[in-house]
């Protein structure tokens, strides 16, 4: 249930680097004097693994398929392997790629690599990043060919793009801003490359034409407005709420947003590991960005009527969890009313969640991939209803966006992606020892509750260090592996069955006191495996 991300171009180890990393201004310091440790933190901040680690692949070995409007780019190997990675690169080679967008191997880099933001990173931080990359294990993995059709495959044509949209420059602190705001600006505008997803216009780089932080589509999801606008952005959020959201994917209090898609991955792999003072600095800087409305809200009160398009679909499929008033269930199901993610300019994220569901996260219940039981027209109508009821206002779904989202959705809960893997080694070992998959194999739906009533305490008593979300998602994964091809689950549908199982697992993990009245004899796990 994890994918890793990254950057493109090399790094090399050299003993002199420790001496080269000098004291930097407060806005560029991360607190560590060891260049490799500093580099590790900076690589985490930049979420480099996301693009440079393929699903199931070795860390930073590349070959992640990065889908762009002009084709698919296979990302390069960043490990210090001399044949397939950066082992034969010098620091100067890396610097030219990282901050100038020119690789010694392929020439000009596509703007899919955020060198337009990394150009702002300081010399000291760039050297620390290089030092860390040269310290990771070398992996011999040849870069696969990208699928980029002519004329986009001609890299020399990128000179035109660079002339229009790329300006090479290091970060310049604002003398009138506080040290905290400057630190936040350095991270947001540089290594964090937040605008790479949250700008309206993705391929014009960090330029005046980009529609800075106003929100836009990325990889089939919608990255929302993060300006201080009170309706569409973060203006109504407190600093604490934004920081908590960046760290966990949910916000406390009356902010109902829940991270999904690429943002969820960014939080898991990057922002959740960033120091709180840096997250606070990023928020402080975003408060100084001019508030912006991506769209002009219109009066769509027709959606507040009982006969509004999508109203009956909502009541049938959604209201039992999210409630008829859209306010959800505190601590278990997020609000839809007032949810800024729901009210983004684009409906892509809402559509993808309806079609694909959500795993358990931040203590919240899993969401069934309920859209797999609806027609595209029903999904379109219920999306419009959700985005324009209970005081919400957002543009309606247009064109073929609903059907496009269905085609693009690949998740375990939707039955459109392979079963996930249990990532926590101790939890996986406990599942193997307890024979969890054997226990769940052939399980009838009416036996979900009594079986989990017996099984969950055994798992939680195994001292795995896993949290409740981990246990729920691991149980769902185990059920997927033994149940996906079981013909007994053909009706009502596999997405409905696995979604039901996930929610029963959540109930028993979070609320073990709510047990079935007729519990069968205790489940005896098979003998431990050697």
Protein backbone atom coordinates (compact mmCIF):
# COMPACT_ATOMS: atom_id res chain seq x y z
CA UNK A 1 0.00 0.00 0.00
CA UNK A 2 3.00 2.14 -0.50
CA UNK A 3 4.89 3.67 -3.34
CA UNK A 4 8.07 5.69 -3.01
CA UNK A 5 9.09 8.95 -4.66
CA UNK A 6 12.12 10.86 -6.02
CA UNK A 7 14.35 13.28 -8.03
CA UNK A 8 16.43 12.74 -11.18
CA UNK A 9 20.26 12.93 -11.40
CA UNK A 10 23.35 11.97 -9.44
CA UNK A 11 25.24 12.24 -6.20
CA UNK A 12 28.76 11.21 -5.14
CA UNK A 13 30.55 10.68 -1.86
CA UNK A 14 33.71 12.54 -1.07
CA UNK A 15 35.41 12.99 2.31
CA UNK A 16 35.92 16.67 1.65
CA UNK A 17 32.15 17.28 1.60
CA UNK A 18 32.01 17.48 5.39
CA UNK A 19 34.35 20.43 5.25
CA UNK A 20 32.47 21.97 2.35
CA UNK A 21 29.14 22.22 4.21
CA UNK A 22 29.49 25.52 6.00
CA UNK A 23 27.15 27.26 8.38
CA UNK A 24 24.12 28.57 6.48
CA UNK A 25 21.64 31.35 7.17
CA UNK A 26 18.84 30.49 9.59
CA UNK A 27 16.33 30.07 6.77
CA UNK A 28 18.35 27.24 5.22
CA UNK A 29 19.46 25.32 8.33
CA UNK A 30 17.92 22.02 9.40
CA UNK A 31 19.89 21.76 12.64
CA UNK A 32 22.39 19.01 11.77
CA UNK A 33 26.09 19.60 11.17
CA UNK A 34 26.70 16.13 9.66
CA UNK A 35 26.32 16.57 5.87
CA UNK A 36 24.97 13.05 5.33
CA UNK A 37 22.36 13.40 8.08
CA UNK A 38 21.43 16.85 6.77
CA UNK A 39 21.18 15.43 3.28
CA UNK A 40 18.94 12.61 4.43
CA UNK A 41 16.56 15.11 6.01
CA UNK A 42 16.60 17.31 2.91
CA UNK A 43 15.95 14.34 0.61
CA UNK A 44 12.99 13.46 2.84
CA UNK A 45 11.75 17.03 2.68
CA UNK A 46 12.00 16.93 -1.11
CA UNK A 47 10.13 13.60 -1.20
CA UNK A 48 12.73 12.33 -3.65
CA UNK A 49 11.86 8.68 -3.18
CA UNK A 50 8.35 9.23 -4.56
CA UNK A 51 9.53 9.53 -8.14
CA UNK A 52 12.77 7.60 -7.96
CA UNK A 53 11.62 4.37 -6.31
CA UNK A 54 9.43 2.07 -8.38
CA UNK A 55 6.61 0.14 -6.67
CA UNK A 56 8.31 -2.85 -5.08
CA UNK A 57 11.69 -1.56 -6.26
CA UNK A 58 14.92 -0.70 -4.48
CA UNK A 59 15.24 2.67 -2.73
CA UNK A 60 16.12 5.44 -5.20
CA UNK A 61 16.93 2.95 -7.99
CA UNK A 62 14.52 4.68 -10.37
CA UNK A 63 12.17 3.23 -13.01
CA UNK A 64 9.08 4.79 -11.54
CA UNK A 65 6.67 5.50 -14.43
CA UNK A 66 5.84 9.19 -14.22
CA UNK A 67 2.75 9.94 -16.31
CA UNK A 68 2.82 13.37 -17.95
CA UNK A 69 0.48 14.99 -20.51
CA UNK A 70 3.08 14.37 -23.22
CA UNK A 71 3.97 10.77 -22.34
CA UNK A 72 5.46 8.52 -19.66
CA UNK A 73 8.90 9.28 -18.20
CA UNK A 74 10.86 6.47 -16.55
CA UNK A 75 12.84 8.04 -13.74
CA UNK A 76 16.60 7.51 -13.35
CA UNK A 77 18.62 5.58 -10.80
CA UNK A 78 19.99 7.90 -8.08
CA UNK A 79 22.08 5.33 -6.24
CA UNK A 80 25.90 5.45 -6.57
CA UNK A 81 26.07 2.45 -8.92
CA UNK A 82 28.82 3.17 -11.48
CA UNK A 83 27.11 1.44 -14.39
CA UNK A 84 23.45 2.41 -14.06
CA UNK A 85 23.36 5.14 -11.39
CA UNK A 86 25.36 8.20 -10.41
CA UNK A 87 28.57 6.50 -9.41
CA UNK A 88 30.49 8.12 -12.28
CA UNK A 89 29.00 11.56 -11.70
CA UNK A 90 30.87 14.42 -10.08
CA UNK A 91 29.26 16.95 -7.77
CA UNK A 92 29.29 19.45 -10.65
CA UNK A 93 27.41 16.94 -12.83
CA UNK A 94 24.79 16.58 -10.13
CA UNK A 95 24.51 20.32 -9.59
CA UNK A 96 23.88 20.89 -13.31
CA UNK A 97 21.02 18.41 -13.25
CA UNK A 98 19.57 19.26 -9.85
CA UNK A 99 19.53 23.07 -10.12
CA UNK A 100 20.03 23.71 -13.84
CA UNK A 101 17.97 20.94 -15.47
CA UNK A 102 20.75 19.46 -17.60
CA UNK A 103 21.86 15.81 -17.27
CA UNK A 104 25.21 14.51 -18.52
CA UNK A 105 23.39 11.34 -19.62
CA UNK A 106 20.39 12.64 -21.57
CA UNK A 107 20.77 16.41 -21.94
CA UNK A 108 17.96 18.80 -21.06
CA UNK A 109 15.55 17.47 -18.42
CA UNK A 110 11.79 17.61 -18.80
CA UNK A 111 10.02 19.94 -16.33
CA UNK A 112 8.53 16.81 -14.74
CA UNK A 113 11.69 17.08 -12.66
CA UNK A 114 11.26 20.18 -10.46
CA UNK A 115 14.61 21.84 -11.17
CA UNK A 116 12.62 25.05 -11.57
CA UNK A 117 12.16 24.89 -7.79
CA UNK A 118 15.39 23.17 -6.85
CA UNK A 119 17.31 26.03 -8.46
CA UNK A 120 16.54 27.96 -5.27
CA UNK A 121 18.29 25.44 -2.98
CA UNK A 122 21.54 26.71 -1.44
CA UNK A 123 25.00 25.42 -2.30
CA UNK A 124 25.40 23.94 1.18
CA UNK A 125 22.12 22.07 1.08
CA UNK A 126 22.79 20.81 -2.45
CA UNK A 127 26.18 19.45 -1.29
CA UNK A 128 24.53 17.77 1.70
CA UNK A 129 21.94 16.14 -0.56
CA UNK A 130 24.75 14.91 -2.81
CA UNK A 131 26.63 13.52 0.19
CA UNK A 132 23.60 11.55 1.35
CA UNK A 133 22.80 10.16 -2.07
CA UNK A 134 26.33 8.91 -2.42
CA UNK A 135 25.99 7.13 0.95
CA UNK A 136 22.97 4.98 0.04
CA UNK A 137 23.48 1.39 -1.16
CA UNK A 138 24.38 1.15 -4.84
CA UNK A 139 21.80 -0.71 -6.93
CA UNK A 140 22.52 -1.95 -10.42
CA UNK A 141 19.29 -1.22 -12.26
CA UNK A 142 19.25 0.09 -15.80
CA UNK A 143 16.79 2.82 -16.59
CA UNK A 144 13.94 1.64 -18.79
CA UNK A 145 12.99 3.54 -21.91
CA UNK A 146 10.48 6.38 -21.53
CA UNK A 147 7.40 6.39 -23.75
CA UNK A 148 7.43 9.89 -25.18
CA UNK A 149 6.15 10.33 -28.76
CA UNK A 150 7.66 12.66 -31.35
CA UNK A 151 8.07 15.65 -31.30
CA UNK A 152 8.15 15.71 -27.47
CA UNK A 153 10.94 13.13 -27.50
CA UNK A 154 13.31 15.73 -29.01
CA UNK A 155 14.92 17.20 -25.91
CA UNK A 156 16.58 20.10 -27.69
CA UNK A 157 13.08 21.55 -28.14
CA UNK A 158 13.03 22.07 -24.36
CA UNK A 159 15.20 25.15 -24.94
CA UNK A 160 12.03 27.03 -25.90
CA UNK A 161 10.30 26.03 -22.65
CA UNK A 162 13.38 26.96 -20.63
CA UNK A 163 13.61 30.37 -22.29
CA UNK A 164 9.98 31.12 -21.45
CA UNK A 165 9.58 29.61 -17.99
CA UNK A 166 12.90 28.80 -16.28
CA UNK A 167 14.94 31.31 -14.34
CA UNK A 168 18.06 30.09 -12.59
CA UNK A 169 18.29 31.77 -9.19
CA UNK A 170 19.06 30.94 -5.56
CA UNK A 171 16.59 31.76 -2.83
CA UNK A 172 16.71 35.38 -1.68
CA UNK A 173 15.27 35.99 1.79
CA UNK A 174 12.84 38.86 2.24
CA UNK A 175 14.54 41.43 4.52
CA UNK A 176 11.11 42.56 5.74
CA UNK A 177 9.94 39.08 6.73
CA UNK A 178 10.67 37.12 9.90
CA UNK A 179 13.21 34.30 10.01
CA UNK A 180 10.32 31.82 10.30
CA UNK A 181 8.57 33.15 7.20
CA UNK A 182 11.82 33.10 5.24
CA UNK A 183 12.49 29.53 6.33
CA UNK A 184 8.99 28.58 5.18
CA UNK A 185 9.46 30.38 1.88
CA UNK A 186 12.74 28.57 1.30
CA UNK A 187 11.10 25.18 1.87
CA UNK A 188 7.82 25.84 0.03
CA UNK A 189 9.35 27.58 -2.98
CA UNK A 190 12.46 25.38 -3.14
CA UNK A 191 12.99 21.83 -2.00
CA UNK A 192 9.36 21.23 -1.03
CA UNK A 193 8.28 22.29 -4.56
CA UNK A 194 4.68 22.59 -3.32
CA UNK A 195 3.63 24.56 -6.39
CA UNK A 196 4.58 21.61 -8.60
CA UNK A 197 1.17 20.16 -7.70
CA UNK A 198 -0.77 23.12 -6.31
CA UNK A 199 -0.24 25.58 -9.17
CA UNK A 200 -3.07 25.88 -11.65
CA UNK A 201 -0.79 25.51 -14.68
CA UNK A 202 1.69 22.70 -14.15
CA UNK A 203 4.05 22.93 -17.11
CA UNK A 204 4.95 26.61 -16.90
CA UNK A 205 7.19 26.01 -13.90
CA UNK A 206 7.73 28.42 -11.05
CA UNK A 207 6.78 31.40 -13.19
CA UNK A 208 4.30 34.25 -13.12
CA UNK A 209 2.07 32.31 -15.50
CA UNK A 210 1.66 29.35 -13.17
CA UNK A 211 -1.37 30.45 -11.12
CA UNK A 212 0.54 30.13 -7.87
CA UNK A 213 -1.04 27.83 -5.28
CA UNK A 214 -4.53 28.21 -6.76
CA UNK A 215 -5.00 24.46 -7.17
CA UNK A 216 -5.00 22.17 -10.18
CA UNK A 217 -5.10 18.62 -11.51
CA UNK A 218 -2.11 16.35 -10.92
CA UNK A 219 -1.96 12.68 -11.92
CA UNK A 220 -5.77 12.48 -12.11
CA UNK A 221 -6.29 14.07 -8.64
CA UNK A 222 -7.01 17.66 -7.68
CA UNK A 223 -4.41 19.47 -5.59
CA UNK A 224 -6.47 22.14 -3.80
CA UNK A 225 -6.04 25.88 -3.41
CA UNK A 226 -3.58 26.51 -0.55
CA UNK A 227 -3.72 30.31 -0.51
CA UNK A 228 -5.30 32.07 2.51
CA UNK A 229 -8.69 32.34 0.77
CA UNK A 230 -11.38 31.65 3.38
CA UNK A 231 -13.64 29.50 1.20
CA UNK A 232 -11.45 27.66 -1.28
CA UNK A 233 -8.09 27.81 0.50
CA UNK A 234 -6.71 27.56 4.05
CA UNK A 235 -7.95 30.94 5.28
CA UNK A 236 -10.53 29.43 7.64
CA UNK A 237 -8.02 26.93 9.07
CA UNK A 238 -5.97 27.68 12.18
CA UNK A 239 -2.21 27.24 12.02
CA UNK A 240 -2.53 24.19 14.28
CA UNK A 241 -5.06 22.61 11.95
CA UNK A 242 -2.88 23.09 8.86
CA UNK A 243 0.25 21.78 10.62
CA UNK A 244 -1.62 18.73 11.93
CA UNK A 245 -3.05 18.06 8.49
CA UNK A 246 0.42 18.22 6.91
CA UNK A 247 1.77 15.83 9.54
CA UNK A 248 -1.09 13.32 9.73
CA UNK A 249 -3.45 13.80 6.78
CA UNK A 250 -6.35 15.01 8.92
CA UNK A 251 -7.01 18.15 10.91
CA UNK A 252 -8.42 18.59 14.43
CA UNK A 253 -11.52 20.61 15.27
CA UNK A 254 -13.94 21.77 12.60
CA UNK A 255 -11.70 21.22 9.56
CA UNK A 256 -12.93 18.04 7.87
CA UNK A 257 -10.27 17.62 5.16
CA UNK A 258 -8.71 14.16 4.71
CA UNK A 259 -5.63 13.67 2.54
CA UNK A 260 -5.96 11.23 -0.35
CA UNK A 261 -4.07 10.27 -3.48
CA UNK A 262 -0.64 11.86 -4.09
CA UNK A 263 -1.00 14.15 -1.06
CA UNK A 264 -1.55 11.20 1.23
CA UNK A 265 1.63 9.63 -0.11
CA UNK A 266 3.56 12.88 0.31
CA UNK A 267 2.44 13.06 3.94
CA UNK A 268 3.34 9.45 4.68
CA UNK A 269 6.76 9.53 3.03
CA UNK A 270 7.81 13.12 3.55
CA UNK A 271 5.82 15.63 5.60
CA UNK A 272 5.09 13.28 8.51
CA UNK A 273 8.87 13.06 9.00
CA UNK A 274 9.53 16.80 8.77
CA UNK A 275 10.25 18.74 11.95
CA UNK A 276 7.25 20.56 13.39
CA UNK A 277 9.08 23.88 13.37
CA UNK A 278 9.60 23.50 9.62
CA UNK A 279 5.92 22.70 9.08
CA UNK A 280 4.99 25.78 11.11
CA UNK A 281 7.38 27.86 9.02
CA UNK A 282 5.79 26.60 5.81
CA UNK A 283 2.34 27.54 7.11
CA UNK A 284 3.60 30.95 8.21
CA UNK A 285 4.86 31.58 4.69
CA UNK A 286 1.66 30.39 3.02
CA UNK A 287 -0.24 32.91 5.16
CA UNK A 288 1.70 35.68 3.40
CA UNK A 289 0.73 34.52 -0.12
CA UNK A 290 -2.08 36.64 -1.65
CA UNK A 291 -5.46 34.95 -1.22
CA UNK A 292 -6.89 33.71 -4.47
CA UNK A 293 -10.20 32.36 -5.70
CA UNK A 294 -9.75 29.70 -8.36
CA UNK A 295 -13.40 30.02 -9.35
CA UNK A 296 -16.26 32.35 -8.57
CA UNK A 297 -18.85 30.61 -6.35
CA UNK A 298 -22.34 30.59 -7.80
CA UNK A 299 -25.66 30.17 -6.07
CA UNK A 300 -26.50 26.50 -6.50
CA UNK A 301 -29.24 26.29 -3.85
CA UNK A 302 -31.16 23.83 -6.05
CA UNK A 303 -28.94 21.15 -4.55
CA UNK A 304 -30.39 21.78 -1.11
CA UNK A 305 -33.80 20.48 -2.17
CA UNK A 306 -34.99 16.94 -1.60
CA UNK A 307 -35.34 16.32 -5.35
CA UNK A 308 -31.92 17.70 -6.27
CA UNK A 309 -29.88 15.60 -8.71
CA UNK A 310 -27.81 13.19 -6.66
CA UNK A 311 -29.86 13.57 -3.48
CA UNK A 312 -31.42 10.11 -3.63
CA UNK A 313 -28.09 8.55 -4.53
CA UNK A 314 -26.48 10.24 -1.54
CA UNK A 315 -29.19 9.05 0.83
CA UNK A 316 -28.92 5.50 -0.54
CA UNK A 317 -25.17 5.06 -0.65
CA UNK A 318 -23.54 7.73 1.50
CA UNK A 319 -25.76 9.05 4.28
CA UNK A 320 -25.39 6.09 6.65
CA UNK A 321 -21.75 7.08 7.23
CA UNK A 322 -21.54 10.75 6.26
CA UNK A 323 -25.02 11.46 7.69
CA UNK A 324 -27.91 13.21 5.90
CA UNK A 325 -26.52 16.61 6.92
CA UNK A 326 -23.01 15.82 5.64
CA UNK A 327 -21.45 16.16 9.09
CA UNK A 328 -20.06 12.64 9.33
CA UNK A 329 -19.29 10.84 12.59
CA UNK A 330 -16.80 12.47 14.93
CA UNK A 331 -13.55 10.54 15.12
CA UNK A 332 -14.61 8.00 12.50
CA UNK A 333 -16.07 9.59 9.36
CA UNK A 334 -15.06 13.08 8.16
CA UNK A 335 -17.43 15.92 7.42
CA UNK A 336 -18.38 16.66 3.85
CA UNK A 337 -20.07 19.91 4.84
CA UNK A 338 -17.50 22.68 4.80
CA UNK A 339 -14.76 20.36 3.54
CA UNK A 340 -12.36 22.49 1.49
CA UNK A 341 -11.06 19.44 -0.40
CA UNK A 342 -14.61 18.69 -1.47
CA UNK A 343 -15.08 22.29 -2.65
CA UNK A 344 -11.95 22.52 -4.80
CA UNK A 345 -12.28 23.90 -8.30
CA UNK A 346 -11.85 20.46 -9.81
CA UNK A 347 -13.90 17.38 -8.76
CA UNK A 348 -11.14 14.87 -9.50
CA UNK A 349 -10.28 14.00 -5.89
CA UNK A 350 -13.92 13.47 -4.90
CA UNK A 351 -14.47 11.27 -7.96
CA UNK A 352 -11.34 9.20 -7.31
CA UNK A 353 -12.30 8.63 -3.66
CA UNK A 354 -15.85 7.60 -4.59
CA UNK A 355 -14.56 5.12 -7.16
CA UNK A 356 -11.51 3.92 -5.25
CA UNK A 357 -12.38 4.12 -1.56
CA UNK A 358 -9.85 4.88 1.18
CA UNK A 359 -7.83 2.75 3.57
CA UNK A 360 -8.00 3.39 7.32
CA UNK A 361 -5.95 6.46 8.19
CA UNK A 362 -5.51 8.83 11.12
CA UNK A 363 -7.98 6.83 13.19
CA UNK A 364 -10.75 7.19 10.59
CA UNK A 365 -12.73 4.28 9.18
CA UNK A 366 -11.97 2.87 5.73
CA UNK A 367 -14.25 4.07 2.96
CA UNK A 368 -15.93 1.53 0.69
CA UNK A 369 -15.27 2.03 -3.04
CA UNK A 370 -18.96 2.74 -3.31
CA UNK A 371 -18.75 4.21 -6.81
CA UNK A 372 -18.09 0.74 -8.21
CA UNK A 373 -21.77 0.01 -7.53
CA UNK A 374 -22.98 3.20 -9.23
CA UNK A 375 -23.28 4.31 -12.83
CA UNK A 376 -21.12 7.19 -14.00
CA UNK A 377 -24.22 9.38 -14.14
CA UNK A 378 -25.01 8.56 -10.51
CA UNK A 379 -21.42 9.33 -9.50
CA UNK A 380 -21.50 12.64 -11.37
CA UNK A 381 -24.79 13.65 -9.77
CA UNK A 382 -23.81 12.65 -6.23
CA UNK A 383 -20.50 14.48 -6.63
CA UNK A 384 -22.33 17.64 -7.65
CA UNK A 385 -24.73 17.16 -4.73
CA UNK A 386 -21.91 16.73 -2.18
CA UNK A 387 -20.03 19.74 -3.54
CA UNK A 388 -23.10 22.01 -3.45
CA UNK A 389 -25.11 21.06 -0.36
CA UNK A 390 -25.04 22.10 3.33
CA UNK A 391 -23.48 25.45 2.39
CA UNK A 392 -20.87 23.95 0.05
CA UNK A 393 -20.37 25.63 -3.32
CA UNK A 394 -18.24 24.33 -6.18
CA UNK A 395 -18.41 23.98 -9.98
CA UNK A 396 -20.39 21.05 -11.33
CA UNK A 397 -18.75 18.06 -13.01
CA UNK A 398 -18.40 18.62 -16.75
CA UNK A 399 -17.58 16.51 -19.78
CA UNK A 400 -16.38 12.95 -19.26
CA UNK A 401 -14.60 13.56 -15.95
CA UNK A 402 -16.59 10.89 -14.10
CA UNK A 403 -15.90 8.13 -16.61
CA UNK A 404 -12.27 9.25 -16.93
CA UNK A 405 -11.86 9.02 -13.15
CA UNK A 406 -13.36 5.52 -13.13
CA UNK A 407 -10.93 4.39 -15.83
CA UNK A 408 -7.96 5.90 -13.99
CA UNK A 409 -8.79 4.51 -10.53
CA UNK A 410 -6.59 1.59 -9.49
CA UNK A 411 -7.05 0.56 -5.86
CA UNK A 412 -7.30 -2.66 -3.87
CA UNK A 413 -10.66 -1.63 -2.39
CA UNK A 414 -12.08 -1.03 -5.87
CA UNK A 415 -10.85 -4.41 -7.06
CA UNK A 416 -8.91 -2.68 -9.83
CA UNK A 417 -5.41 -3.12 -8.37
CA UNK A 418 -3.54 -6.09 -6.86
CA UNK A 419 -3.88 -6.83 -3.17
CA UNK A 420 -1.48 -4.74 -1.10
CA UNK A 421 1.35 -6.04 1.06
CA UNK A 422 1.76 -5.78 4.83
CA UNK A 423 4.69 -3.41 5.22
CA UNK A 424 5.40 -3.67 8.94
CA UNK A 425 7.73 -6.66 9.41
CA UNK A 426 6.62 -7.45 12.97
CA UNK A 427 2.95 -7.26 12.02
CA UNK A 428 3.49 -9.49 8.99
CA UNK A 429 5.34 -12.01 11.17
CA UNK A 430 2.47 -12.02 13.68
CA UNK A 431 -0.04 -12.63 10.87
CA UNK A 432 2.04 -15.55 9.64
CA UNK A 433 2.39 -17.00 13.13
CA UNK A 434 -1.34 -16.67 13.87
CA UNK A 435 -2.31 -18.04 10.46
CA UNK A 436 -4.55 -15.04 9.77
CA UNK A 437 -4.94 -15.73 6.05
CA UNK A 438 -5.90 -19.35 6.69
CA UNK A 439 -8.46 -18.18 9.26
CA UNK A 440 -10.02 -15.73 6.78
CA UNK A 441 -10.07 -18.12 3.83
CA UNK A 442 -13.58 -19.11 2.78
CA UNK A 443 -15.14 -16.95 5.49
CA UNK A 444 -18.86 -16.36 5.05
CA UNK A 445 -19.99 -12.76 5.28
CA UNK A 446 -22.20 -13.48 8.30
CA UNK A 447 -19.09 -14.71 10.10
CA UNK A 448 -17.04 -11.53 9.63
CA UNK A 449 -17.95 -10.12 13.05
CA UNK A 450 -17.60 -13.24 15.25
CA UNK A 451 -14.35 -14.24 13.53
CA UNK A 452 -12.78 -10.83 13.97
CA UNK A 453 -14.02 -10.64 17.56
CA UNK A 454 -11.79 -13.64 18.28
CA UNK A 455 -8.89 -12.76 15.95
CA UNK A 456 -8.29 -9.08 16.66
CA UNK A 457 -7.28 -9.51 20.36
CA UNK A 458 -4.71 -12.12 19.33
CA UNK A 459 -3.19 -9.72 16.80
CA UNK A 460 -3.19 -6.77 19.18
CA UNK A 461 -1.61 -8.93 21.87
CA UNK A 462 1.31 -9.88 19.65
CA UNK A 463 3.41 -6.79 20.55
CA UNK A 464 3.99 -5.72 16.96
CA UNK A 465 4.12 -1.99 17.65
CA UNK A 466 1.52 -1.48 14.92
CA UNK A 467 -1.18 1.15 15.39
CA UNK A 468 -4.90 0.59 14.83
CA UNK A 469 -4.76 1.83 11.22
CA UNK A 470 -1.97 -0.64 10.46
CA UNK A 471 -3.94 -3.56 11.93
CA UNK A 472 -7.14 -2.68 10.04
CA UNK A 473 -5.31 -2.29 6.73
CA UNK A 474 -3.28 -5.46 7.28
CA UNK A 475 -6.45 -7.45 7.97
CA UNK A 476 -8.01 -6.02 4.80
CA UNK A 477 -4.92 -6.97 2.83
CA UNK A 478 -4.96 -10.52 4.23
CA UNK A 479 -8.66 -10.88 3.38
CA UNK A 480 -8.02 -9.60 -0.14
CA UNK A 481 -5.36 -12.23 -0.75
CA UNK A 482 -7.64 -15.15 0.17
CA UNK A 483 -11.01 -13.75 -0.86
CA UNK A 484 -10.60 -11.88 -4.12
CA UNK A 485 -11.12 -14.94 -6.33
CA UNK A 486 -13.61 -16.69 -4.03
CA UNK A 487 -16.85 -17.15 -6.04
CA UNK A 488 -19.03 -16.76 -2.94
CA UNK A 489 -18.25 -13.04 -2.95
CA UNK A 490 -19.56 -12.45 -6.46
CA UNK A 491 -22.69 -10.87 -5.05
CA UNK A 492 -23.28 -8.08 -4.28
CA UNK A 493 -19.79 -7.31 -5.60
CA UNK A 494 -16.20 -7.72 -4.49
CA UNK A 495 -15.70 -3.98 -3.73
CA UNK A 496 -18.78 -4.10 -1.48
CA UNK A 497 -17.57 -7.26 0.26
CA UNK A 498 -14.00 -6.12 0.92
CA UNK A 499 -15.28 -2.69 1.96
CA UNK A 500 -17.67 -4.30 4.43
CA UNK A 501 -14.88 -6.50 5.80
CA UNK A 502 -12.59 -3.47 6.22
CA UNK A 503 -15.25 -1.62 8.19
CA UNK A 504 -16.03 -4.61 10.41
CA UNK A 505 -12.29 -4.90 11.07
CA UNK A 506 -12.18 -1.22 11.95
CA UNK A 507 -15.11 -1.60 14.34
CA UNK A 508 -13.51 -4.52 16.16
CA UNK A 509 -10.06 -2.92 16.32
CA UNK A 510 -11.34 0.46 17.50
CA UNK A 511 -14.39 -0.64 19.50
CA UNK A 512 -13.83 -4.22 20.72
CA UNK A 513 -16.64 -3.87 23.23
CA UNK A 514 -19.15 -3.97 20.33
CA UNK A 515 -19.16 -7.74 19.88
CA UNK A 516 -21.63 -10.09 18.27
CA UNK A 517 -24.07 -11.87 20.53
CA UNK A 518 -23.35 -15.32 19.11
CA UNK A 519 -19.61 -15.76 19.08
CA UNK A 520 -18.39 -19.16 17.84
CA UNK A 521 -15.79 -21.24 19.59
CA UNK A 522 -12.40 -19.62 19.90
CA UNK A 523 -10.35 -19.67 16.73
CA UNK A 524 -7.29 -21.80 17.20
CA UNK A 525 -4.46 -20.62 14.95
CA UNK A 526 -2.34 -23.25 13.24
CA UNK A 527 1.05 -24.12 14.63
CA UNK A 528 3.74 -21.51 14.18
CA UNK A 529 5.57 -21.76 10.90
CA UNK A 530 9.28 -22.48 11.03
